[in-house]
């Protein structure tokens, strides 16, 4: 009687093993391709580079931050967040003149971030461009947002420009939100003195003393 041959089962097993190996390779190749595609997609988006730019800015690595920003700009030239980050880098470097056009471009592209507006007003103020602070600040007040912050910049710009009458309503608006702000109270007192509002100036001088005395008592009670 002829013994059964083991050749065919072994051959089938080898074929099956090869098929499993090929299938495993195909799965691995697909996963690798998907990973590479995901990496490529992330590299094609500006967010990854913006995160790197912000991290480098916060660490004080400004050349690295600007290099990462350029990568982000190349991938999102119409993204307002890209120009906000550029403005923030120059703001952190205290390069006010370069921060201004970056923030203005972010606004032109539709940025809704309040920080863009506040930082822009600060840059204009530090550059001594008081008219720009006043004009832009009033426009921002009309748009809404952190109005008291905008009013503070407008009031300060008016005061520094010697436009004391114009400063008064803006200073009053700030005091409505922060009634014990000694700096704003004193600016308003000076404006009132310079515009012939003696009674209001005297009232403010008394209010300033009251706040100073109250703060002094708080410090004593706290043992400061």
Foldseek 3Di string as FASTA:
>chain_A
DDDDDCVVVVVVVVVVVVVVVVVVVVVVVVVVVVVVVVVVVVLLALPVLLVVLVVCLVVVNLVSSVVSLVSSCVNCVLALVSLQSVLVSCVSVVVLVRSQVSLVSSVVSPDPDVVSLLSNLVSCVVVLVLVVLQVSLVVVVVVDDPNLSSLVSNLVSCVVVVVLVVNQVSLVVNCVVVVLPLVSLQSNLVSCVVVVVPVSNVVSVVVSVVSVVVVVVVCVVVVD
